[in-house]
Every structure is written in C-alpha cells, then in structure tokens.
Amino acid sequence: MKIYRTLCLGAAIALPQLALAELPMANDALGQAESALDFCSKANPKAAAKYKVRGKTLVRNTSEKDLADARSSGEYKDTYNAVKTVLGKLSKDEAAKICSDALESK
C-alpha cells in the first residue's frame, strides 16, 4: 500500500511535465497534482518553496483564465479533495518519505 501511494504521488507530480497541451493536463489530474503539492508543502514546510516551483512548472504557459476555469471545475475540486483525504491519513513518517521522494524524482 505504501508503494502504491508513493507511485501515485510521484505520477501526480511528474506526469503533467510530459504533456504538450496549453493546459498540460485534464482538470482532475491538475487537482490531483496540486493537492499532492499542497499536502507536501504543509508536511515539509522547509521545502515548501521547492513544491511551489514544481507547481508552477506544471502549469507553465497556461493562462490565468484557463487555470481559473480548471480550478473551478467539479472534476478538479472532487479530485483535489479526494487526494487531500487520502494523503491526510498518512503518518508523519510516511508523508515525509513520500514527499521527499517526490521532490527527488524529475
């Protein structure tokens, strides 16, 4: 189960970097990635700036209007909250490990 969570978090952060569209992912994928990054920023405040940079990288070349539209969608909100719930159940040690691994992956 820990491996599955690690893989999901890593995929949520790395996958969008491979996309070529103006909004580099579907609304639910954006919600998943941003929820994971927000969670890790809170779980590891010392690395919050690194997570913020990773988040900006995910949506580079995307207009503010497109981002606002995506973030207001039901898919985004549902996925964001679902990921937040799942990650919130992790122990501090599990969260630290997963978030640390996510920063190291490119």
Protein backbone atom coordinates (compact mmCIF):
# COMPACT_ATOMS: atom_id res chain seq x y z
CA MET A 1 0.00 0.00 0.00
CA LYS A 2 2.86 2.41 0.77
CA ILE A 3 4.42 1.72 -2.60
CA TYR A 4 1.10 2.38 -4.33
CA ARG A 5 0.76 5.74 -2.61
CA THR A 6 4.34 6.64 -3.47
CA LEU A 7 3.79 5.77 -7.11
CA CYS A 8 0.53 7.72 -7.26
CA LEU A 9 2.09 10.82 -5.73
CA GLY A 10 5.12 10.58 -7.99
CA ALA A 11 2.92 10.16 -11.04
CA ALA A 12 0.73 13.06 -9.98
CA ILE A 13 3.73 15.34 -9.85
CA ALA A 14 5.75 14.03 -12.80
CA LEU A 15 3.10 13.10 -15.37
CA PRO A 16 1.98 16.62 -16.26
CA GLN A 17 5.50 17.58 -17.27
CA LEU A 18 5.20 15.18 -20.19
CA ALA A 19 2.07 16.73 -21.64
CA LEU A 20 2.21 19.22 -24.52
CA ALA A 21 -1.21 20.90 -24.39
CA GLU A 22 -1.62 24.51 -23.30
CA LEU A 23 -3.27 23.31 -20.09
CA PRO A 24 -0.90 20.40 -19.62
CA MET A 25 -3.45 18.01 -18.16
CA ALA A 26 -7.09 17.25 -17.52
CA ASN A 27 -8.80 19.14 -14.70
CA ASP A 28 -8.83 16.08 -12.44
CA ALA A 29 -5.11 15.47 -13.00
CA LEU A 30 -4.40 19.10 -12.14
CA GLY A 31 -6.44 18.71 -8.95
CA GLN A 32 -4.51 15.57 -8.06
CA ALA A 33 -1.13 17.18 -8.65
CA GLU A 34 -1.91 20.43 -6.87
CA SER A 35 -3.45 18.63 -3.91
CA ALA A 36 -0.33 16.47 -3.54
CA LEU A 37 1.95 19.51 -3.79
CA ASP A 38 -0.11 21.47 -1.26
CA PHE A 39 -0.07 18.50 1.10
CA CYS A 40 3.69 18.15 0.81
CA SER A 41 4.20 21.88 1.34
CA LYS A 42 2.41 21.55 4.66
CA ALA A 43 4.04 18.25 5.60
CA ASN A 44 7.52 19.62 4.87
CA PRO A 45 7.45 23.42 5.34
CA LYS A 46 11.22 23.70 4.89
CA ALA A 47 10.82 22.53 1.27
CA ALA A 48 7.61 24.48 0.56
CA ALA A 49 9.38 26.76 -1.91
CA LYS A 50 10.53 23.73 -3.92
CA TYR A 51 6.97 22.39 -4.08
CA LYS A 52 5.76 25.82 -5.20
CA VAL A 53 8.31 25.83 -8.03
CA ARG A 54 7.22 22.33 -9.02
CA GLY A 55 3.60 23.53 -9.10
CA LYS A 56 4.47 26.50 -11.31
CA THR A 57 6.32 24.16 -13.65
CA LEU A 58 3.19 22.06 -14.04
CA VAL A 59 1.14 24.94 -15.40
CA ARG A 60 3.74 26.96 -17.27
CA ASN A 61 2.48 28.58 -20.47
CA THR A 62 -1.11 28.33 -19.21
CA SER A 63 -3.18 31.48 -18.98
CA GLU A 64 -4.64 32.59 -15.67
CA LYS A 65 -8.12 32.30 -17.18
CA ASP A 66 -7.55 28.66 -18.19
CA LEU A 67 -6.19 27.88 -14.71
CA ALA A 68 -9.11 29.60 -13.01
CA ASP A 69 -11.57 27.70 -15.21
CA ALA A 70 -9.86 24.39 -14.46
CA ARG A 71 -9.68 25.04 -10.71
CA SER A 72 -13.36 25.94 -10.54
CA SER A 73 -14.45 22.73 -12.27
CA GLY A 74 -16.15 19.93 -10.39
CA GLU A 75 -13.56 17.41 -11.56
CA TYR A 76 -10.73 19.48 -10.12
CA LYS A 77 -12.46 20.07 -6.79
CA ASP A 78 -13.56 16.44 -6.38
CA THR A 79 -10.12 15.05 -7.15
CA TYR A 80 -8.32 17.69 -5.08
CA ASN A 81 -10.42 16.82 -2.03
CA ALA A 82 -10.14 13.05 -2.57
CA VAL A 83 -6.34 13.20 -2.74
CA LYS A 84 -6.27 15.52 0.28
CA THR A 85 -8.32 12.97 2.25
CA VAL A 86 -6.14 10.01 1.28
CA LEU A 87 -2.86 11.81 1.96
CA GLY A 88 -4.21 13.17 5.24
CA LYS A 89 -4.43 9.61 6.54
CA LEU A 90 -0.67 9.06 6.21
CA SER A 91 1.54 9.05 9.27
CA LYS A 92 4.06 11.88 9.55
CA ASP A 93 6.87 9.49 8.68
CA GLU A 94 5.07 8.16 5.60
CA ALA A 95 4.22 11.67 4.45
CA ALA A 96 7.79 12.86 4.91
CA LYS A 97 9.16 9.91 2.94
CA ILE A 98 6.68 10.21 0.07
CA CYS A 99 7.07 13.95 -0.22
CA SER A 100 10.84 13.71 -0.09
CA ASP A 101 10.81 11.04 -2.81
CA ALA A 102 8.53 13.20 -4.95
CA LEU A 103 10.97 16.12 -4.81
CA GLU A 104 13.86 13.89 -5.84
CA SER A 105 12.01 12.50 -8.87
CA LYS A 106 12.12 14.53 -12.05
